[in-house]
Amino acid sequence: MTSSGSPLLSVKNLKIAIREKNAFSTVVRGVSFCINHGETLGLVGASGSGKSLTALSLVQLLPGGLLVEGEAFLERKDFRKRDLLHLNATGIQQVRGREVGFVFQEPGSAMNPVYTCGEQIKEILQIHGIAFGLEAEKQSLEWLDRVGLVDVRRIYKSYPHQVSGGQLQRVMIAMAICTNPVLLIADEPTTSLD
């Protein structure tokens, strides 16, 4: 993909440490990279090297007990700049899902088991003010179709445990892109795909 040359995400000296007894042990050290608008970046490393922790830290979804240091600036084309690592709860909730989409590695554990797949996409559209009611349902069905699912009405009405792992991964992808985010973070998005 060609780049427009303007920075979208700049990460500098990202460090993640875990509390062990009375001290912190560093698990991610000195990660720095820049993604320009229109670019794709892949983080490659051995299992357990911190790729998922790095991705989760950018949207403040790390488990408790971890300390994050460094900078991660998201800059929109309208020159709004946000430090993702230091936004308050309200600020990160506004960014997460709307400006930054996230495809989780394990969609089965990332999705709510008491809501249907369609309800979960519809909720995202409604929370971010994109569509409501029947229009949100229509758009949810369209997104399920766009990610390559067949029998989208059945999947829309199905609970996460009622669809295959590959179908669920596609639902997760639809959830991540239905808001047309400026940045998409995908943590091993093809692991479960059929």
C-alpha atoms as a PDB file:
ATOM      1  CA  MET A   1       0.000   0.000   0.000  1.00  0.00           C
ATOM      2  CA  THR A   2       1.262   3.476  -0.715  1.00  0.00           C
ATOM      3  CA  SER A   3       1.563   6.002   2.048  1.00  0.00           C
ATOM      4  CA  SER A   4       0.259   9.539   2.154  1.00  0.00           C
ATOM      5  CA  GLY A   5       3.283  10.457   4.257  1.00  0.00           C
ATOM      6  CA  SER A   6       1.361  11.902   7.185  1.00  0.00           C
ATOM      7  CA  PRO A   7       1.607  10.064  10.504  1.00  0.00           C
ATOM      8  CA  LEU A   8      -1.436   8.248  11.799  1.00  0.00           C
ATOM      9  CA  LEU A   9       0.077   6.411  14.772  1.00  0.00           C
ATOM     10  CA  SER A  10       3.432   7.157  16.373  1.00  0.00           C
ATOM     11  CA  VAL A  11       4.607   4.850  19.156  1.00  0.00           C
ATOM     12  CA  LYS A  12       7.779   5.783  21.021  1.00  0.00           C
ATOM     13  CA  ASN A  13       9.654   3.788  23.639  1.00  0.00           C
ATOM     14  CA  LEU A  14       6.692   1.665  24.653  1.00  0.00           C
ATOM     15  CA  LYS A  15       7.473  -0.317  27.784  1.00  0.00           C
ATOM     16  CA  ILE A  16       5.172  -2.758  29.568  1.00  0.00           C
ATOM     17  CA  ALA A  17       6.078  -4.238  32.925  1.00  0.00           C
ATOM     18  CA  ILE A  18       4.314  -6.702  35.191  1.00  0.00           C
ATOM     19  CA  ARG A  19       4.313  -6.570  38.977  1.00  0.00           C
ATOM     20  CA  GLU A  20       6.054  -9.562  40.499  1.00  0.00           C
ATOM     21  CA  LYS A  21       5.981  -9.510  44.297  1.00  0.00           C
ATOM     22  CA  ASN A  22       7.323  -6.032  45.171  1.00  0.00           C
ATOM     23  CA  ALA A  23       9.041  -5.216  41.873  1.00  0.00           C
ATOM     24  CA  PHE A  24       8.206  -4.804  38.208  1.00  0.00           C
ATOM     25  CA  SER A  25       9.597  -7.076  35.513  1.00  0.00           C
ATOM     26  CA  THR A  26       9.707  -5.641  31.979  1.00  0.00           C
ATOM     27  CA  VAL A  27       7.906  -7.781  29.390  1.00  0.00           C
ATOM     28  CA  VAL A  28       7.944  -5.302  26.473  1.00  0.00           C
ATOM     29  CA  ARG A  29      10.878  -2.939  26.136  1.00  0.00           C
ATOM     30  CA  GLY A  30      11.524   0.030  23.841  1.00  0.00           C
ATOM     31  CA  VAL A  31       8.990  -0.581  21.073  1.00  0.00           C
ATOM     32  CA  SER A  32       8.880   2.321  18.603  1.00  0.00           C
ATOM     33  CA  PHE A  33       7.214   2.564  15.206  1.00  0.00           C
ATOM     34  CA  CYS A  34       5.237   4.945  13.020  1.00  0.00           C
ATOM     35  CA  ILE A  35       2.313   4.132  10.749  1.00  0.00           C
ATOM     36  CA  ASN A  36       1.367   6.716   8.157  1.00  0.00           C
ATOM     37  CA  HIS A  37      -2.142   7.104   6.728  1.00  0.00           C
ATOM     38  CA  GLY A  38      -2.669   4.364   4.155  1.00  0.00           C
ATOM     39  CA  GLU A  39       0.098   2.110   5.465  1.00  0.00           C
ATOM     40  CA  THR A  40       0.022  -1.383   6.901  1.00  0.00           C
ATOM     41  CA  LEU A  41       2.452  -2.558   9.566  1.00  0.00           C
ATOM     42  CA  GLY A  42       2.959  -6.096  10.816  1.00  0.00           C
ATOM     43  CA  LEU A  43       4.585  -6.919  14.149  1.00  0.00           C
ATOM     44  CA  VAL A  44       6.458 -10.193  13.919  1.00  0.00           C
ATOM     45  CA  GLY A  45       7.927 -12.123  16.807  1.00  0.00           C
ATOM     46  CA  ALA A  46       7.970 -15.388  18.661  1.00  0.00           C
ATOM     47  CA  SER A  47       5.041 -16.497  20.748  1.00  0.00           C
ATOM     48  CA  GLY A  48       5.160 -14.614  24.050  1.00  0.00           C
ATOM     49  CA  SER A  49       7.294 -11.772  22.679  1.00  0.00           C
ATOM     50  CA  GLY A  50       4.704  -9.092  23.496  1.00  0.00           C
ATOM     51  CA  LYS A  51       2.881  -8.521  20.202  1.00  0.00           C
ATOM     52  CA  SER A  52      -0.583  -8.867  21.766  1.00  0.00           C
ATOM     53  CA  LEU A  53       0.407  -6.833  24.830  1.00  0.00           C
ATOM     54  CA  THR A  54       1.646  -4.071  22.533  1.00  0.00           C
ATOM     55  CA  ALA A  55      -1.626  -4.075  20.588  1.00  0.00           C
ATOM     56  CA  LEU A  56      -3.825  -4.187  23.705  1.00  0.00           C
ATOM     57  CA  SER A  57      -1.869  -1.363  25.357  1.00  0.00           C
ATOM     58  CA  LEU A  58      -2.760   0.976  22.476  1.00  0.00           C
ATOM     59  CA  VAL A  59      -6.456   0.771  23.395  1.00  0.00           C
ATOM     60  CA  GLN A  60      -5.930   0.449  27.160  1.00  0.00           C
ATOM     61  CA  LEU A  61      -7.208  -3.124  27.356  1.00  0.00           C
ATOM     62  CA  LEU A  62      -4.317  -4.674  29.255  1.00  0.00           C
ATOM     63  CA  PRO A  63      -5.147  -6.751  32.323  1.00  0.00           C
ATOM     64  CA  GLY A  64      -4.584  -5.202  35.734  1.00  0.00           C
ATOM     65  CA  GLY A  65      -1.159  -5.267  37.318  1.00  0.00           C
ATOM     66  CA  LEU A  66       0.682  -4.070  34.229  1.00  0.00           C
ATOM     67  CA  LEU A  67       2.530  -0.777  34.035  1.00  0.00           C
ATOM     68  CA  VAL A  68       2.709   1.004  30.669  1.00  0.00           C
ATOM     69  CA  GLU A  69       5.166   3.767  29.815  1.00  0.00           C
ATOM     70  CA  GLY A  70       5.976   5.602  26.607  1.00  0.00           C
ATOM     71  CA  GLU A  71       3.929   7.453  24.017  1.00  0.00           C
ATOM     72  CA  ALA A  72       1.346   6.398  21.448  1.00  0.00           C
ATOM     73  CA  PHE A  73      -0.052   9.339  19.500  1.00  0.00           C
ATOM     74  CA  LEU A  74      -2.991   8.889  17.147  1.00  0.00           C
ATOM     75  CA  GLU A  75      -3.184  11.795  14.725  1.00  0.00           C
ATOM     76  CA  ARG A  76      -6.178  12.324  12.491  1.00  0.00           C
ATOM     77  CA  LYS A  77      -5.995  14.066   9.131  1.00  0.00           C
ATOM     78  CA  ASP A  78      -7.749  17.021  10.792  1.00  0.00           C
ATOM     79  CA  PHE A  79      -4.622  17.279  13.015  1.00  0.00           C
ATOM     80  CA  ARG A  80      -6.366  16.170  16.205  1.00  0.00           C
ATOM     81  CA  LYS A  81      -3.724  14.318  18.179  1.00  0.00           C
ATOM     82  CA  ARG A  82      -4.403  11.973  21.089  1.00  0.00           C
ATOM     83  CA  ASP A  83      -1.999  10.174  23.412  1.00  0.00           C
ATOM     84  CA  LEU A  84      -3.722   6.786  23.549  1.00  0.00           C
ATOM     85  CA  LEU A  85      -1.763   5.586  26.574  1.00  0.00           C
ATOM     86  CA  HIS A  86      -2.788   8.514  28.763  1.00  0.00           C
ATOM     87  CA  LEU A  87      -6.426   9.186  27.848  1.00  0.00           C
ATOM     88  CA  ASN A  88      -8.911   9.003  30.707  1.00  0.00           C
ATOM     89  CA  ALA A  89     -11.661   6.356  30.662  1.00  0.00           C
ATOM     90  CA  THR A  90     -14.108   8.574  28.776  1.00  0.00           C
ATOM     91  CA  GLY A  91     -11.492   9.608  26.240  1.00  0.00           C
ATOM     92  CA  ILE A  92     -10.370   6.079  25.406  1.00  0.00           C
ATOM     93  CA  GLN A  93     -13.986   4.888  25.143  1.00  0.00           C
ATOM     94  CA  GLN A  94     -14.622   7.576  22.523  1.00  0.00           C
ATOM     95  CA  VAL A  95     -11.571   6.462  20.547  1.00  0.00           C
ATOM     96  CA  ARG A  96     -12.003   2.703  20.957  1.00  0.00           C
ATOM     97  CA  GLY A  97     -14.327   1.357  18.316  1.00  0.00           C
ATOM     98  CA  ARG A  98     -14.918   4.660  16.553  1.00  0.00           C
ATOM     99  CA  GLU A  99     -11.400   5.784  15.620  1.00  0.00           C
ATOM    100  CA  VAL A 100      -9.516   2.578  16.426  1.00  0.00           C
ATOM    101  CA  GLY A 101     -11.045  -0.768  15.522  1.00  0.00           C
ATOM    102  CA  PHE A 102      -9.680  -3.903  17.172  1.00  0.00           C
ATOM    103  CA  VAL A 103      -9.876  -7.503  15.968  1.00  0.00           C
ATOM    104  CA  PHE A 104      -9.166  -9.772  18.920  1.00  0.00           C
ATOM    105  CA  GLN A 105      -7.183 -12.981  18.651  1.00  0.00           C
ATOM    106  CA  GLU A 106      -9.882 -15.014  20.406  1.00  0.00           C
ATOM    107  CA  PRO A 107     -13.315 -13.745  19.310  1.00  0.00           C
ATOM    108  CA  GLY A 108     -15.108 -16.325  21.448  1.00  0.00           C
ATOM    109  CA  SER A 109     -13.776 -14.769  24.620  1.00  0.00           C
ATOM    110  CA  ALA A 110     -14.029 -11.184  23.343  1.00  0.00           C
ATOM    111  CA  MET A 111     -17.733 -11.318  22.506  1.00  0.00           C
ATOM    112  CA  ASN A 112     -20.630 -11.174  24.954  1.00  0.00           C
ATOM    113  CA  PRO A 113     -22.266 -14.632  25.105  1.00  0.00           C
ATOM    114  CA  VAL A 114     -25.717 -13.311  26.102  1.00  0.00           C
ATOM    115  CA  TYR A 115     -26.214 -11.143  22.994  1.00  0.00           C
ATOM    116  CA  THR A 116     -26.605 -12.314  19.427  1.00  0.00           C
ATOM    117  CA  CYS A 117     -23.889 -11.583  16.912  1.00  0.00           C
ATOM    118  CA  GLY A 118     -26.124  -9.071  15.168  1.00  0.00           C
ATOM    119  CA  GLU A 119     -27.048  -7.285  18.393  1.00  0.00           C
ATOM    120  CA  GLN A 120     -23.352  -6.767  19.110  1.00  0.00           C
ATOM    121  CA  ILE A 121     -22.670  -5.129  15.734  1.00  0.00           C
ATOM    122  CA  LYS A 122     -25.868  -3.084  16.030  1.00  0.00           C
ATOM    123  CA  GLU A 123     -24.821  -1.886  19.497  1.00  0.00           C
ATOM    124  CA  ILE A 124     -21.510  -0.576  18.170  1.00  0.00           C
ATOM    125  CA  LEU A 125     -23.274   1.353  15.404  1.00  0.00           C
ATOM    126  CA  GLN A 126     -25.695   2.847  17.940  1.00  0.00           C
ATOM    127  CA  ILE A 127     -23.085   3.701  20.600  1.00  0.00           C
ATOM    128  CA  HIS A 128     -21.061   5.632  18.049  1.00  0.00           C
ATOM    129  CA  GLY A 129     -24.116   7.387  16.570  1.00  0.00           C
ATOM    130  CA  ILE A 130     -23.752   5.851  13.108  1.00  0.00           C
ATOM    131  CA  ALA A 131     -27.188   4.235  12.833  1.00  0.00           C
ATOM    132  CA  PHE A 132     -30.152   3.391  15.034  1.00  0.00           C
ATOM    133  CA  GLY A 133     -33.062   0.937  15.049  1.00  0.00           C
ATOM    134  CA  LEU A 134     -33.899  -0.688  11.730  1.00  0.00           C
ATOM    135  CA  GLU A 135     -31.118   1.210   9.936  1.00  0.00           C
ATOM    136  CA  ALA A 136     -28.553  -0.203  12.400  1.00  0.00           C
ATOM    137  CA  GLU A 137     -29.941  -3.698  11.810  1.00  0.00           C
ATOM    138  CA  LYS A 138     -29.742  -3.205   8.031  1.00  0.00           C
ATOM    139  CA  GLN A 139     -26.155  -1.974   8.233  1.00  0.00           C
ATOM    140  CA  SER A 140     -25.215  -4.866  10.546  1.00  0.00           C
ATOM    141  CA  LEU A 141     -26.504  -7.357   7.983  1.00  0.00           C
ATOM    142  CA  GLU A 142     -24.564  -5.528   5.248  1.00  0.00           C
ATOM    143  CA  TRP A 143     -21.345  -5.736   7.292  1.00  0.00           C
ATOM    144  CA  LEU A 144     -21.839  -9.468   7.859  1.00  0.00           C
ATOM    145  CA  ASP A 145     -22.166  -9.860   4.089  1.00  0.00           C
ATOM    146  CA  ARG A 146     -19.089  -7.678   3.432  1.00  0.00           C
ATOM    147  CA  VAL A 147     -16.863  -9.913   5.542  1.00  0.00           C
ATOM    148  CA  GLY A 148     -17.794 -12.924   3.427  1.00  0.00           C
ATOM    149  CA  LEU A 149     -20.436 -14.632   5.530  1.00  0.00           C
ATOM    150  CA  VAL A 150     -23.326 -16.498   3.932  1.00  0.00           C
ATOM    151  CA  ASP A 151     -26.763 -16.845   5.501  1.00  0.00           C
ATOM    152  CA  VAL A 152     -26.231 -13.511   7.242  1.00  0.00           C
ATOM    153  CA  ARG A 153     -29.750 -13.392   8.730  1.00  0.00           C
ATOM    154  CA  ARG A 154     -29.122 -16.660  10.589  1.00  0.00           C
ATOM    155  CA  ILE A 155     -25.755 -15.445  11.862  1.00  0.00           C
ATOM    156  CA  TYR A 156     -27.267 -12.094  12.862  1.00  0.00           C
ATOM    157  CA  LYS A 157     -29.767 -13.953  15.088  1.00  0.00           C
ATOM    158  CA  SER A 158     -27.226 -16.498  16.403  1.00  0.00           C
ATOM    159  CA  TYR A 159     -25.385 -16.312  19.698  1.00  0.00           C
ATOM    160  CA  PRO A 160     -21.578 -16.552  19.544  1.00  0.00           C
ATOM    161  CA  HIS A 161     -21.587 -20.219  20.630  1.00  0.00           C
ATOM    162  CA  GLN A 162     -23.963 -21.090  17.772  1.00  0.00           C
ATOM    163  CA  VAL A 163     -21.547 -20.246  14.949  1.00  0.00           C
ATOM    164  CA  SER A 164     -18.218 -21.748  13.919  1.00  0.00           C
ATOM    165  CA  GLY A 165     -14.886 -20.257  14.969  1.00  0.00           C
ATOM    166  CA  GLY A 166     -14.272 -18.936  11.455  1.00  0.00           C
ATOM    167  CA  GLN A 167     -17.723 -17.362  11.278  1.00  0.00           C
ATOM    168  CA  LEU A 168     -17.209 -15.804  14.697  1.00  0.00           C
ATOM    169  CA  GLN A 169     -13.870 -14.355  13.576  1.00  0.00           C
ATOM    170  CA  ARG A 170     -15.637 -12.741  10.616  1.00  0.00           C
ATOM    171  CA  VAL A 171     -18.294 -11.316  12.959  1.00  0.00           C
ATOM    172  CA  MET A 172     -15.443  -9.848  15.056  1.00  0.00           C
ATOM    173  CA  ILE A 173     -13.936  -8.305  11.921  1.00  0.00           C
ATOM    174  CA  ALA A 174     -17.328  -6.804  11.017  1.00  0.00           C
ATOM    175  CA  MET A 175     -17.572  -5.345  14.527  1.00  0.00           C
ATOM    176  CA  ALA A 176     -14.107  -3.814  14.196  1.00  0.00           C
ATOM    177  CA  ILE A 177     -14.660  -2.170  10.808  1.00  0.00           C
ATOM    178  CA  CYS A 178     -18.348  -1.195  10.902  1.00  0.00           C
ATOM    179  CA  THR A 179     -17.478   2.303  12.185  1.00  0.00           C
ATOM    180  CA  ASN A 180     -14.882   2.872   9.433  1.00  0.00           C
ATOM    181  CA  PRO A 181     -12.098   3.511  11.968  1.00  0.00           C
ATOM    182  CA  VAL A 182      -9.003   5.460  10.946  1.00  0.00           C
ATOM    183  CA  LEU A 183      -6.814   2.721  12.473  1.00  0.00           C
ATOM    184  CA  LEU A 184      -7.459  -1.015  12.573  1.00  0.00           C
ATOM    185  CA  ILE A 185      -5.460  -3.168  14.992  1.00  0.00           C
ATOM    186  CA  ALA A 186      -5.715  -6.859  14.242  1.00  0.00           C
ATOM    187  CA  ASP A 187      -4.264  -9.390  16.686  1.00  0.00           C
ATOM    188  CA  GLU A 188      -3.820 -12.539  14.577  1.00  0.00           C
ATOM    189  CA  PRO A 189      -7.116 -11.929  12.727  1.00  0.00           C
ATOM    190  CA  THR A 190      -6.934 -14.980  10.476  1.00  0.00           C
ATOM    191  CA  THR A 191      -6.258 -17.604  13.166  1.00  0.00           C
ATOM    192  CA  SER A 192      -9.787 -19.063  13.147  1.00  0.00           C
ATOM    193  CA  LEU A 193     -10.854 -18.303   9.594  1.00  0.00           C
ATOM    194  CA  ASP A 194     -12.144 -21.231   7.535  1.00  0.00           C
END
